[in-house]
PDB file of N, CA and C in Angstrom:
ATOM      1  N   PRO A   1     -12.884  -4.004   2.005  1.00  0.00           N
ATOM      2  CA  PRO A   1     -12.416  -5.266   1.440  1.00  0.00           C
ATOM      3  C   PRO A   1     -11.371  -5.946   2.327  1.00  0.00           C
ATOM      4  N   HIS A   2     -10.481  -5.154   2.905  1.00  0.00           N
ATOM      5  CA  HIS A   2      -9.451  -5.739   3.760  1.00  0.00           C
ATOM      6  C   HIS A   2     -10.080  -6.396   4.977  1.00  0.00           C
ATOM      7  N   PHE A   3     -11.011  -5.717   5.622  1.00  0.00           N
ATOM      8  CA  PHE A   3     -11.655  -6.248   6.825  1.00  0.00           C
ATOM      9  C   PHE A   3     -12.495  -7.485   6.491  1.00  0.00           C
ATOM     10  N   ARG A   4     -13.177  -7.457   5.353  1.00  0.00           N
ATOM     11  CA  ARG A   4     -13.974  -8.615   4.944  1.00  0.00           C
ATOM     12  C   ARG A   4     -13.068  -9.838   4.791  1.00  0.00           C
ATOM     13  N   LEU A   5     -11.922  -9.649   4.160  1.00  0.00           N
ATOM     14  CA  LEU A   5     -10.988 -10.760   4.000  1.00  0.00           C
ATOM     15  C   LEU A   5     -10.464 -11.254   5.344  1.00  0.00           C
ATOM     16  N   LEU A   6     -10.229 -10.338   6.269  1.00  0.00           N
ATOM     17  CA  LEU A   6      -9.777 -10.736   7.601  1.00  0.00           C
ATOM     18  C   LEU A   6     -10.844 -11.570   8.293  1.00  0.00           C
ATOM     19  N   ASN A   7     -12.085 -11.140   8.222  1.00  0.00           N
ATOM     20  CA  ASN A   7     -13.185 -11.908   8.836  1.00  0.00           C
ATOM     21  C   ASN A   7     -13.306 -13.289   8.214  1.00  0.00           C
ATOM     22  N   GLU A   8     -13.195 -13.363   6.899  1.00  0.00           N
ATOM     23  CA  GLU A   8     -13.275 -14.671   6.229  1.00  0.00           C
ATOM     24  C   GLU A   8     -12.132 -15.570   6.666  1.00  0.00           C
ATOM     25  N   GLU A   9     -10.947 -15.004   6.799  1.00  0.00           N
ATOM     26  CA  GLU A   9      -9.797 -15.787   7.246  1.00  0.00           C
ATOM     27  C   GLU A   9     -10.024 -16.294   8.675  1.00  0.00           C
ATOM     28  N   LEU A  10     -10.502 -15.423   9.549  1.00  0.00           N
ATOM     29  CA  LEU A  10     -10.725 -15.815  10.939  1.00  0.00           C
ATOM     30  C   LEU A  10     -11.800 -16.904  11.073  1.00  0.00           C
ATOM     31  N   LYS A  11     -12.755 -16.896  10.152  1.00  0.00           N
ATOM     32  CA  LYS A  11     -13.811 -17.924  10.162  1.00  0.00           C
ATOM     33  C   LYS A  11     -13.379 -19.204   9.451  1.00  0.00           C
ATOM     34  N   GLY A  12     -12.170 -19.208   8.895  1.00  0.00           N
ATOM     35  CA  GLY A  12     -11.685 -20.370   8.173  1.00  0.00           C
ATOM     36  C   GLY A  12     -12.208 -20.458   6.753  1.00  0.00           C
ATOM     37  N   GLN A  13     -12.766 -19.367   6.238  1.00  0.00           N
ATOM     38  CA  GLN A  13     -13.333 -19.346   4.888  1.00  0.00           C
ATOM     39  C   GLN A  13     -12.362 -18.790   3.846  1.00  0.00           C
ATOM     40  N   ALA A  14     -11.187 -18.359   4.295  1.00  0.00           N
ATOM     41  CA  ALA A  14     -10.162 -17.839   3.377  1.00  0.00           C
ATOM     42  C   ALA A  14      -8.804 -18.335   3.860  1.00  0.00           C
ATOM     43  N   ALA A  15      -7.872 -18.377   2.953  1.00  0.00           N
ATOM     44  CA  ALA A  15      -6.540 -18.890   3.282  1.00  0.00           C
ATOM     45  C   ALA A  15      -5.840 -18.022   4.321  1.00  0.00           C
ATOM     46  N   LYS A  16      -5.018 -18.657   5.135  1.00  0.00           N
ATOM     47  CA  LYS A  16      -4.268 -17.953   6.166  1.00  0.00           C
ATOM     48  C   LYS A  16      -3.375 -16.891   5.526  1.00  0.00           C
ATOM     49  N   GLY A  17      -3.400 -15.693   6.113  1.00  0.00           N
ATOM     50  CA  GLY A  17      -2.578 -14.599   5.616  1.00  0.00           C
ATOM     51  C   GLY A  17      -3.226 -13.739   4.551  1.00  0.00           C
ATOM     52  N   THR A  18      -4.467 -14.056   4.156  1.00  0.00           N
ATOM     53  CA  THR A  18      -5.111 -13.263   3.101  1.00  0.00           C
ATOM     54  C   THR A  18      -5.820 -12.032   3.645  1.00  0.00           C
ATOM     55  N   GLY A  19      -6.164 -12.037   4.918  1.00  0.00           N
ATOM     56  CA  GLY A  19      -6.841 -10.889   5.512  1.00  0.00           C
ATOM     57  C   GLY A  19      -5.858  -9.964   6.187  1.00  0.00           C
ATOM     58  N   VAL A  20      -6.184  -8.693   6.213  1.00  0.00           N
ATOM     59  CA  VAL A  20      -5.338  -7.726   6.900  1.00  0.00           C
ATOM     60  C   VAL A  20      -6.201  -6.854   7.790  1.00  0.00           C
ATOM     61  N   SER A  21      -5.650  -6.451   8.909  1.00  0.00           N
ATOM     62  CA  SER A  21      -6.339  -5.523   9.798  1.00  0.00           C
ATOM     63  C   SER A  21      -5.728  -4.139   9.608  1.00  0.00           C
ATOM     64  N   CYS A  22      -6.292  -3.151  10.246  1.00  0.00           N
ATOM     65  CA  CYS A  22      -5.710  -1.800  10.186  1.00  0.00           C
ATOM     66  C   CYS A  22      -4.261  -1.833  10.663  1.00  0.00           C
ATOM     67  N   ALA A  23      -4.028  -2.599  11.735  1.00  0.00           N
ATOM     68  CA  ALA A  23      -2.687  -2.660  12.328  1.00  0.00           C
ATOM     69  C   ALA A  23      -1.668  -3.300  11.399  1.00  0.00           C
ATOM     70  N   THR A  24      -2.091  -4.187  10.534  1.00  0.00           N
ATOM     71  CA  THR A  24      -1.157  -4.844   9.614  1.00  0.00           C
ATOM     72  C   THR A  24      -0.348  -3.807   8.843  1.00  0.00           C
ATOM     73  N   CYS A  25      -1.011  -2.774   8.373  1.00  0.00           N
ATOM     74  CA  CYS A  25      -0.341  -1.769   7.544  1.00  0.00           C
ATOM     75  C   CYS A  25       0.020  -0.496   8.299  1.00  0.00           C
ATOM     76  N   HIS A  26      -0.851  -0.069   9.199  1.00  0.00           N
ATOM     77  CA  HIS A  26      -0.664   1.221   9.848  1.00  0.00           C
ATOM     78  C   HIS A  26       0.089   1.139  11.165  1.00  0.00           C
ATOM     79  N   LEU A  27       0.349  -0.046  11.648  1.00  0.00           N
ATOM     80  CA  LEU A  27       1.231  -0.264  12.797  1.00  0.00           C
ATOM     81  C   LEU A  27       2.240  -1.329  12.375  1.00  0.00           C
ATOM     82  N   PRO A  28       3.058  -1.002  11.370  1.00  0.00           N
ATOM     83  CA  PRO A  28       3.944  -2.016  10.795  1.00  0.00           C
ATOM     84  C   PRO A  28       5.044  -2.451  11.752  1.00  0.00           C
ATOM     85  N   LYS A  29       5.501  -3.662  11.522  1.00  0.00           N
ATOM     86  CA  LYS A  29       6.630  -4.187  12.284  1.00  0.00           C
ATOM     87  C   LYS A  29       7.910  -3.741  11.596  1.00  0.00           C
ATOM     88  N   GLU A  30       8.874  -3.359  12.405  1.00  0.00           N
ATOM     89  CA  GLU A  30      10.171  -2.937  11.884  1.00  0.00           C
ATOM     90  C   GLU A  30      11.264  -3.735  12.576  1.00  0.00           C
ATOM     91  N   ILE A  31      12.302  -4.029  11.849  1.00  0.00           N
ATOM     92  CA  ILE A  31      13.446  -4.717  12.436  1.00  0.00           C
ATOM     93  C   ILE A  31      14.494  -3.655  12.754  1.00  0.00           C
ATOM     94  N   VAL A  32      14.884  -3.605  14.018  1.00  0.00           N
ATOM     95  CA  VAL A  32      15.912  -2.655  14.443  1.00  0.00           C
ATOM     96  C   VAL A  32      17.082  -3.415  15.033  1.00  0.00           C
ATOM     97  N   LYS A  33      18.244  -2.841  14.877  1.00  0.00           N
ATOM     98  CA  LYS A  33      19.442  -3.470  15.422  1.00  0.00           C
ATOM     99  C   LYS A  33      20.027  -2.540  16.480  1.00  0.00           C
ATOM    100  N   ILE A  34      20.191  -3.073  17.669  1.00  0.00           N
ATOM    101  CA  ILE A  34      20.784  -2.331  18.774  1.00  0.00           C
ATOM    102  C   ILE A  34      22.041  -3.092  19.174  1.00  0.00           C
ATOM    103  N   GLY A  35      23.182  -2.563  18.788  1.00  0.00           N
ATOM    104  CA  GLY A  35      24.427  -3.294  19.005  1.00  0.00           C
ATOM    105  C   GLY A  35      24.411  -4.567  18.190  1.00  0.00           C
ATOM    106  N   ASP A  36      24.620  -5.688  18.854  1.00  0.00           N
ATOM    107  CA  ASP A  36      24.594  -6.987  18.179  1.00  0.00           C
ATOM    108  C   ASP A  36      23.223  -7.648  18.223  1.00  0.00           C
ATOM    109  N   ILE A  37      22.260  -6.973  18.825  1.00  0.00           N
ATOM    110  CA  ILE A  37      20.930  -7.570  19.010  1.00  0.00           C
ATOM    111  C   ILE A  37      19.967  -7.015  17.968  1.00  0.00           C
ATOM    112  N   GLN A  38      19.263  -7.905  17.309  1.00  0.00           N
ATOM    113  CA  GLN A  38      18.248  -7.526  16.338  1.00  0.00           C
ATOM    114  C   GLN A  38      16.881  -7.774  16.963  1.00  0.00           C
ATOM    115  N   LYS A  39      16.013  -6.754  16.916  1.00  0.00           N
ATOM    116  CA  LYS A  39      14.679  -6.871  17.500  1.00  0.00           C
ATOM    117  C   LYS A  39      13.626  -6.492  16.471  1.00  0.00           C
ATOM    118  N   THR A  40      12.465  -7.076  16.613  1.00  0.00           N
ATOM    119  CA  THR A  40      11.309  -6.670  15.826  1.00  0.00           C
ATOM    120  C   THR A  40      10.419  -5.848  16.737  1.00  0.00           C
ATOM    121  N   ILE A  41      10.119  -4.637  16.318  1.00  0.00           N
ATOM    122  CA  ILE A  41       9.261  -3.759  17.107  1.00  0.00           C
ATOM    123  C   ILE A  41       8.066  -3.337  16.259  1.00  0.00           C
ATOM    124  N   VAL A  42       7.030  -2.857  16.912  1.00  0.00           N
ATOM    125  CA  VAL A  42       5.859  -2.333  16.217  1.00  0.00           C
ATOM    126  C   VAL A  42       5.963  -0.818  16.208  1.00  0.00           C
ATOM    127  N   GLN A  43       5.808  -0.228  15.028  1.00  0.00           N
ATOM    128  CA  GLN A  43       5.849   1.220  14.892  1.00  0.00           C
ATOM    129  C   GLN A  43       4.474   1.775  15.251  1.00  0.00           C
ATOM    130  N   HIS A  44       4.361   2.435  16.387  1.00  0.00           N
ATOM    131  CA  HIS A  44       3.084   2.956  16.860  1.00  0.00           C
ATOM    132  C   HIS A  44       2.798   4.391  16.422  1.00  0.00           C
ATOM    133  N   ASN A  45       3.733   5.037  15.769  1.00  0.00           N
ATOM    134  CA  ASN A  45       3.530   6.410  15.320  1.00  0.00           C
ATOM    135  C   ASN A  45       2.796   6.399  13.982  1.00  0.00           C
ATOM    136  N   GLN A  46       1.469   6.488  14.022  1.00  0.00           N
ATOM    137  CA  GLN A  46       0.673   6.448  12.791  1.00  0.00           C
ATOM    138  C   GLN A  46       0.934   7.638  11.884  1.00  0.00           C
ATOM    139  N   ASN A  47       1.425   8.738  12.434  1.00  0.00           N
ATOM    140  CA  ASN A  47       1.703   9.902  11.600  1.00  0.00           C
ATOM    141  C   ASN A  47       2.809   9.635  10.592  1.00  0.00           C
ATOM    142  N   LEU A  48       3.580   8.591  10.801  1.00  0.00           N
ATOM    143  CA  LEU A  48       4.614   8.257   9.828  1.00  0.00           C
ATOM    144  C   LEU A  48       4.026   7.776   8.510  1.00  0.00           C
ATOM    145  N   ASN A  49       2.803   7.216   8.551  1.00  0.00           N
ATOM    146  CA  ASN A  49       2.260   6.647   7.314  1.00  0.00           C
ATOM    147  C   ASN A  49       0.761   6.846   7.132  1.00  0.00           C
ATOM    148  N   LEU A  50       0.175   7.777   7.865  1.00  0.00           N
ATOM    149  CA  LEU A  50      -1.273   7.936   7.770  1.00  0.00           C
ATOM    150  C   LEU A  50      -1.709   9.331   7.341  1.00  0.00           C
ATOM    151  N   ARG A  51      -1.098  10.352   7.885  1.00  0.00           N
ATOM    152  CA  ARG A  51      -1.476  11.724   7.559  1.00  0.00           C
ATOM    153  C   ARG A  51      -0.255  12.489   7.112  1.00  0.00           C
ATOM    154  N   PRO A  52      -0.285  13.233   6.035  1.00  0.00           N
ATOM    155  CA  PRO A  52      -1.362  13.270   5.067  1.00  0.00           C
ATOM    156  C   PRO A  52      -1.452  11.952   4.312  1.00  0.00           C
ATOM    157  N   THR A  53      -2.557  11.760   3.673  1.00  0.00           N
ATOM    158  CA  THR A  53      -2.866  10.499   3.008  1.00  0.00           C
ATOM    159  C   THR A  53      -1.768  10.056   2.040  1.00  0.00           C
ATOM    160  N   GLN A  54      -1.111  11.005   1.379  1.00  0.00           N
ATOM    161  CA  GLN A  54      -0.087  10.659   0.395  1.00  0.00           C
ATOM    162  C   GLN A  54       1.070   9.872   1.015  1.00  0.00           C
ATOM    163  N   LYS A  55       1.270  10.000   2.318  1.00  0.00           N
ATOM    164  CA  LYS A  55       2.362   9.286   2.977  1.00  0.00           C
ATOM    165  C   LYS A  55       2.137   7.778   2.966  1.00  0.00           C
ATOM    166  N   MET A  56       0.904   7.356   2.720  1.00  0.00           N
ATOM    167  CA  MET A  56       0.589   5.926   2.738  1.00  0.00           C
ATOM    168  C   MET A  56       1.102   5.185   1.514  1.00  0.00           C
ATOM    169  N   MET A  57       1.301   5.874   0.415  1.00  0.00           N
ATOM    170  CA  MET A  57       1.552   5.187  -0.852  1.00  0.00           C
ATOM    171  C   MET A  57       2.720   4.203  -0.767  1.00  0.00           C
ATOM    172  N   ARG A  58       3.896   4.683  -0.463  1.00  0.00           N
ATOM    173  CA  ARG A  58       5.067   3.808  -0.489  1.00  0.00           C
ATOM    174  C   ARG A  58       5.111   2.853   0.698  1.00  0.00           C
ATOM    175  N   GLY A  59       4.884   3.344   1.902  1.00  0.00           N
ATOM    176  CA  GLY A  59       5.059   2.525   3.089  1.00  0.00           C
ATOM    177  C   GLY A  59       3.889   1.640   3.458  1.00  0.00           C
ATOM    178  N   VAL A  60       2.725   1.876   2.876  1.00  0.00           N
ATOM    179  CA  VAL A  60       1.534   1.091   3.222  1.00  0.00           C
ATOM    180  C   VAL A  60       0.973   0.409   1.973  1.00  0.00           C
ATOM    181  N   CYS A  61       0.423   1.185   1.064  1.00  0.00           N
ATOM    182  CA  CYS A  61      -0.288   0.633  -0.093  1.00  0.00           C
ATOM    183  C   CYS A  61       0.595  -0.245  -0.976  1.00  0.00           C
ATOM    184  N   MET A  62       1.816   0.242  -1.250  1.00  0.00           N
ATOM    185  CA  MET A  62       2.658  -0.464  -2.207  1.00  0.00           C
ATOM    186  C   MET A  62       3.327  -1.712  -1.638  1.00  0.00           C
ATOM    187  N   ASN A  63       3.042  -2.024  -0.383  1.00  0.00           N
ATOM    188  CA  ASN A  63       3.492  -3.318   0.132  1.00  0.00           C
ATOM    189  C   ASN A  63       2.716  -4.451  -0.529  1.00  0.00           C
ATOM    190  N   CYS A  64       1.512  -4.144  -1.002  1.00  0.00           N
ATOM    191  CA  CYS A  64       0.673  -5.165  -1.650  1.00  0.00           C
ATOM    192  C   CYS A  64       0.179  -4.745  -3.032  1.00  0.00           C
ATOM    193  N   HIS A  65      -0.007  -3.452  -3.254  1.00  0.00           N
ATOM    194  CA  HIS A  65      -0.596  -2.938  -4.496  1.00  0.00           C
ATOM    195  C   HIS A  65       0.463  -2.226  -5.324  1.00  0.00           C
ATOM    196  N   GLY A  66       0.212  -2.111  -6.628  1.00  0.00           N
ATOM    197  CA  GLY A  66       1.111  -1.392  -7.512  1.00  0.00           C
ATOM    198  C   GLY A  66       0.989   0.112  -7.350  1.00  0.00           C
ATOM    199  N   ALA A  67       1.952   0.834  -7.913  1.00  0.00           N
ATOM    200  CA  ALA A  67       1.987   2.287  -7.789  1.00  0.00           C
ATOM    201  C   ALA A  67       0.762   2.940  -8.429  1.00  0.00           C
ATOM    202  N   GLY A  68       0.353   2.454  -9.591  1.00  0.00           N
ATOM    203  CA  GLY A  68      -0.798   3.046 -10.280  1.00  0.00           C
ATOM    204  C   GLY A  68      -2.074   2.927  -9.484  1.00  0.00           C
ATOM    205  N   PHE A  69      -2.359   1.729  -9.002  1.00  0.00           N
ATOM    206  CA  PHE A  69      -3.575   1.512  -8.210  1.00  0.00           C
ATOM    207  C   PHE A  69      -3.516   2.324  -6.918  1.00  0.00           C
ATOM    208  N   SER A  70      -2.344   2.366  -6.297  1.00  0.00           N
ATOM    209  CA  SER A  70      -2.191   3.115  -5.045  1.00  0.00           C
ATOM    210  C   SER A  70      -2.458   4.599  -5.266  1.00  0.00           C
ATOM    211  N   LEU A  71      -1.859   5.165  -6.316  1.00  0.00           N
ATOM    212  CA  LEU A  71      -2.066   6.581  -6.617  1.00  0.00           C
ATOM    213  C   LEU A  71      -3.525   6.849  -6.959  1.00  0.00           C
ATOM    214  N   ASP A  72      -4.109   6.021  -7.802  1.00  0.00           N
ATOM    215  CA  ASP A  72      -5.519   6.189  -8.163  1.00  0.00           C
ATOM    216  C   ASP A  72      -6.396   6.203  -6.911  1.00  0.00           C
ATOM    217  N   SER A  73      -6.108   5.335  -5.974  1.00  0.00           N
ATOM    218  CA  SER A  73      -6.909   5.221  -4.754  1.00  0.00           C
ATOM    219  C   SER A  73      -6.730   6.423  -3.843  1.00  0.00           C
ATOM    220  N   LEU A  74      -5.501   6.860  -3.663  1.00  0.00           N
ATOM    221  CA  LEU A  74      -5.227   7.934  -2.714  1.00  0.00           C
ATOM    222  C   LEU A  74      -5.698   9.301  -3.178  1.00  0.00           C
ATOM    223  N   VAL A  75      -5.801   9.520  -4.498  1.00  0.00           N
ATOM    224  CA  VAL A  75      -6.280  10.819  -4.975  1.00  0.00           C
ATOM    225  C   VAL A  75      -7.805  10.863  -5.088  1.00  0.00           C
ATOM    226  N   ASP A  76      -8.464   9.736  -4.908  1.00  0.00           N
ATOM    227  CA  ASP A  76      -9.921   9.661  -4.961  1.00  0.00           C
ATOM    228  C   ASP A  76     -10.475  10.018  -3.577  1.00  0.00           C
ATOM    229  N   LYS A  77     -10.830  11.287  -3.384  1.00  0.00           N
ATOM    230  CA  LYS A  77     -11.247  11.773  -2.059  1.00  0.00           C
ATOM    231  C   LYS A  77     -12.442  11.013  -1.498  1.00  0.00           C
ATOM    232  N   GLU A  78     -13.394  10.679  -2.341  1.00  0.00           N
ATOM    233  CA  GLU A  78     -14.563   9.925  -1.870  1.00  0.00           C
ATOM    234  C   GLU A  78     -14.158   8.522  -1.426  1.00  0.00           C
ATOM    235  N   LEU A  79     -13.260   7.909  -2.155  1.00  0.00           N
ATOM    236  CA  LEU A  79     -12.785   6.575  -1.795  1.00  0.00           C
ATOM    237  C   LEU A  79     -12.039   6.615  -0.457  1.00  0.00           C
ATOM    238  N   VAL A  80     -11.244   7.652  -0.231  1.00  0.00           N
ATOM    239  CA  VAL A  80     -10.546   7.811   1.049  1.00  0.00           C
ATOM    240  C   VAL A  80     -11.571   7.983   2.167  1.00  0.00           C
ATOM    241  N   ARG A  81     -12.592   8.817   1.926  1.00  0.00           N
ATOM    242  CA  ARG A  81     -13.633   9.057   2.946  1.00  0.00           C
ATOM    243  C   ARG A  81     -14.369   7.779   3.319  1.00  0.00           C
ATOM    244  N   ASN A  82     -14.611   6.898   2.354  1.00  0.00           N
ATOM    245  CA  ASN A  82     -15.358   5.674   2.674  1.00  0.00           C
ATOM    246  C   ASN A  82     -14.424   4.487   2.919  1.00  0.00           C
ATOM    247  N   ASN A  83     -13.177   4.810   3.317  1.00  0.00           N
ATOM    248  CA  ASN A  83     -12.209   3.806   3.753  1.00  0.00           C
ATOM    249  C   ASN A  83     -11.893   2.760   2.685  1.00  0.00           C
ATOM    250  N   PHE A  84     -11.754   3.234   1.456  1.00  0.00           N
ATOM    251  CA  PHE A  84     -11.311   2.377   0.353  1.00  0.00           C
ATOM    252  C   PHE A  84     -12.205   1.144   0.180  1.00  0.00           C
ATOM    253  N   SER A  85     -13.513   1.379   0.231  1.00  0.00           N
ATOM    254  CA  SER A  85     -14.469   0.270   0.192  1.00  0.00           C
ATOM    255  C   SER A  85     -14.762  -0.253  -1.212  1.00  0.00           C
ATOM    256  N   GLU A  86     -14.202   0.369  -2.226  1.00  0.00           N
ATOM    257  CA  GLU A  86     -14.420  -0.092  -3.607  1.00  0.00           C
ATOM    258  C   GLU A  86     -13.212   0.279  -4.450  1.00  0.00           C
ATOM    259  N   GLN A  87     -13.313   0.091  -5.737  1.00  0.00           N
ATOM    260  CA  GLN A  87     -12.225   0.431  -6.659  1.00  0.00           C
ATOM    261  C   GLN A  87     -12.167   1.949  -6.863  1.00  0.00           C
ATOM    262  N   PRO A  88     -11.011   2.497  -7.222  1.00  0.00           N
ATOM    263  CA  PRO A  88     -10.937   3.930  -7.530  1.00  0.00           C
ATOM    264  C   PRO A  88     -11.865   4.289  -8.685  1.00  0.00           C
ATOM    265  N   ALA A  89     -12.419   5.503  -8.628  1.00  0.00           N
ATOM    266  CA  ALA A  89     -13.383   5.933  -9.643  1.00  0.00           C
ATOM    267  C   ALA A  89     -12.732   6.229 -10.986  1.00  0.00           C
ATOM    268  N   LYS A  90     -11.478   6.690 -10.975  1.00  0.00           N
ATOM    269  CA  LYS A  90     -10.820   6.995 -12.249  1.00  0.00           C
ATOM    270  C   LYS A  90      -9.339   6.686 -12.161  1.00  0.00           C
ATOM    271  N   HIS A  91      -8.733   6.589 -13.323  1.00  0.00           N
ATOM    272  CA  HIS A  91      -7.303   6.277 -13.413  1.00  0.00           C
ATOM    273  C   HIS A  91      -6.521   7.550 -13.677  1.00  0.00           C
ATOM    274  N   ILE A  92      -5.455   7.765 -12.919  1.00  0.00           N
ATOM    275  CA  ILE A  92      -4.567   8.901 -13.114  1.00  0.00           C
ATOM    276  C   ILE A  92      -3.495   8.466 -14.115  1.00  0.00           C
ATOM    277  N   GLU A  93      -3.407   9.158 -15.223  1.00  0.00           N
ATOM    278  CA  GLU A  93      -2.548   8.714 -16.324  1.00  0.00           C
ATOM    279  C   GLU A  93      -1.085   9.117 -16.189  1.00  0.00           C
ATOM    280  N   SER A  94      -0.727   9.889 -15.183  1.00  0.00           N
ATOM    281  CA  SER A  94       0.651  10.388 -15.096  1.00  0.00           C
ATOM    282  C   SER A  94       1.674   9.259 -15.001  1.00  0.00           C
ATOM    283  N   LEU A  95       1.396   8.207 -14.241  1.00  0.00           N
ATOM    284  CA  LEU A  95       2.345   7.103 -14.160  1.00  0.00           C
ATOM    285  C   LEU A  95       2.457   6.354 -15.475  1.00  0.00           C
ATOM    286  N   ASP A  96       1.374   6.280 -16.224  1.00  0.00           N
ATOM    287  CA  ASP A  96       1.421   5.646 -17.542  1.00  0.00           C
ATOM    288  C   ASP A  96       2.388   6.402 -18.458  1.00  0.00           C
ATOM    289  N   MET A  97       2.347   7.735 -18.368  1.00  0.00           N
ATOM    290  CA  MET A  97       3.249   8.541 -19.195  1.00  0.00           C
ATOM    291  C   MET A  97       4.707   8.305 -18.799  1.00  0.00           C
ATOM    292  N   VAL A  98       4.965   8.202 -17.504  1.00  0.00           N
ATOM    293  CA  VAL A  98       6.328   7.943 -17.032  1.00  0.00           C
ATOM    294  C   VAL A  98       6.804   6.579 -17.512  1.00  0.00           C
ATOM    295  N   GLU A  99       5.962   5.559 -17.367  1.00  0.00           N
ATOM    296  CA  GLU A  99       6.331   4.212 -17.801  1.00  0.00           C
ATOM    297  C   GLU A  99       6.598   4.170 -19.308  1.00  0.00           C
ATOM    298  N   LYS A 100       5.769   4.867 -20.084  1.00  0.00           N
ATOM    299  CA  LYS A 100       5.965   4.903 -21.539  1.00  0.00           C
ATOM    300  C   LYS A 100       7.299   5.565 -21.868  1.00  0.00           C
ATOM    301  N   ARG A 101       7.589   6.647 -21.186  1.00  0.00           N
ATOM    302  CA  ARG A 101       8.852   7.354 -21.413  1.00  0.00           C
ATOM    303  C   ARG A 101      10.035   6.456 -21.069  1.00  0.00           C
ATOM    304  N   LEU A 102       9.955   5.746 -19.939  1.00  0.00           N
ATOM    305  CA  LEU A 102      11.038   4.848 -19.539  1.00  0.00           C
ATOM    306  C   LEU A 102      11.227   3.717 -20.550  1.00  0.00           C
ATOM    307  N   ARG A 103      10.118   3.164 -21.059  1.00  0.00           N
ATOM    308  CA  ARG A 103      10.220   2.109 -22.082  1.00  0.00           C
ATOM    309  C   ARG A 103      10.882   2.645 -23.337  1.00  0.00           C
ATOM    310  N   ASN A 104      10.483   3.842 -23.768  1.00  0.00           N
ATOM    311  CA  ASN A 104      11.056   4.440 -24.967  1.00  0.00           C
ATOM    312  C   ASN A 104      12.543   4.741 -24.790  1.00  0.00           C
ATOM    313  N   ASP A 105      12.908   5.267 -23.612  1.00  0.00           N
ATOM    314  CA  ASP A 105      14.321   5.552 -23.339  1.00  0.00           C
ATOM    315  C   ASP A 105      15.135   4.265 -23.331  1.00  0.00           C
ATOM    316  N   SER A 106      14.582   3.228 -22.737  1.00  0.00           N
ATOM    317  CA  SER A 106      15.270   1.937 -22.672  1.00  0.00           C
ATOM    318  C   SER A 106      15.434   1.348 -24.068  1.00  0.00           C
ATOM    319  N   LYS A 107      14.402   1.482 -24.870  1.00  0.00           N
ATOM    320  CA  LYS A 107      14.434   0.954 -26.243  1.00  0.00           C
ATOM    321  C   LYS A 107      15.511   1.667 -27.056  1.00  0.00           C
ATOM    322  N   LYS A 108      15.623   2.991 -26.871  1.00  0.00           N
ATOM    323  CA  LYS A 108      16.628   3.779 -27.587  1.00  0.00           C
ATOM    324  C   LYS A 108      18.045   3.340 -27.195  1.00  0.00           C
ATOM    325  N   GLU A 109      18.227   3.043 -25.898  1.00  0.00           N
ATOM    326  CA  GLU A 109      19.542   2.610 -25.414  1.00  0.00           C
ATOM    327  C   GLU A 109      19.937   1.268 -26.002  1.00  0.00           C
ATOM    328  N   ASN A 110      18.942   0.398 -26.243  1.00  0.00           N
ATOM    329  CA  ASN A 110      19.218  -0.942 -26.745  1.00  0.00           C
ATOM    330  C   ASN A 110      19.343  -0.997 -28.262  1.00  0.00           C
ATOM    331  N   ASP A 111      18.942   0.075 -28.943  1.00  0.00           N
ATOM    332  CA  ASP A 111      19.035   0.102 -30.421  1.00  0.00           C
ATOM    333  C   ASP A 111      20.425   0.422 -30.888  1.00  0.00           C
TER     334      ASP A 111
END
């Protein structure tokens, strides 16, 4: 899906900025400060966010997707094998339980 959107954008069939390449997420730009100078560099160490797959959640997937969708996608081994070409096959309910607990705790504090 990401590559399809990139192709559509390059052909002028999708809005600018809607497509992403592998490098968009897996070779992210970082802002570093050296003394008084601020530079933007490209992080070329893919091991920081590619292997193991779970490392992608916060630094890659969640830049655009929510935690639930990201977790559902990363634990779906078949989806990982086919390069995330479709929606996750099932929903992992653990984050739902955490969110429910947080809502209940917050509600208790406000009562």
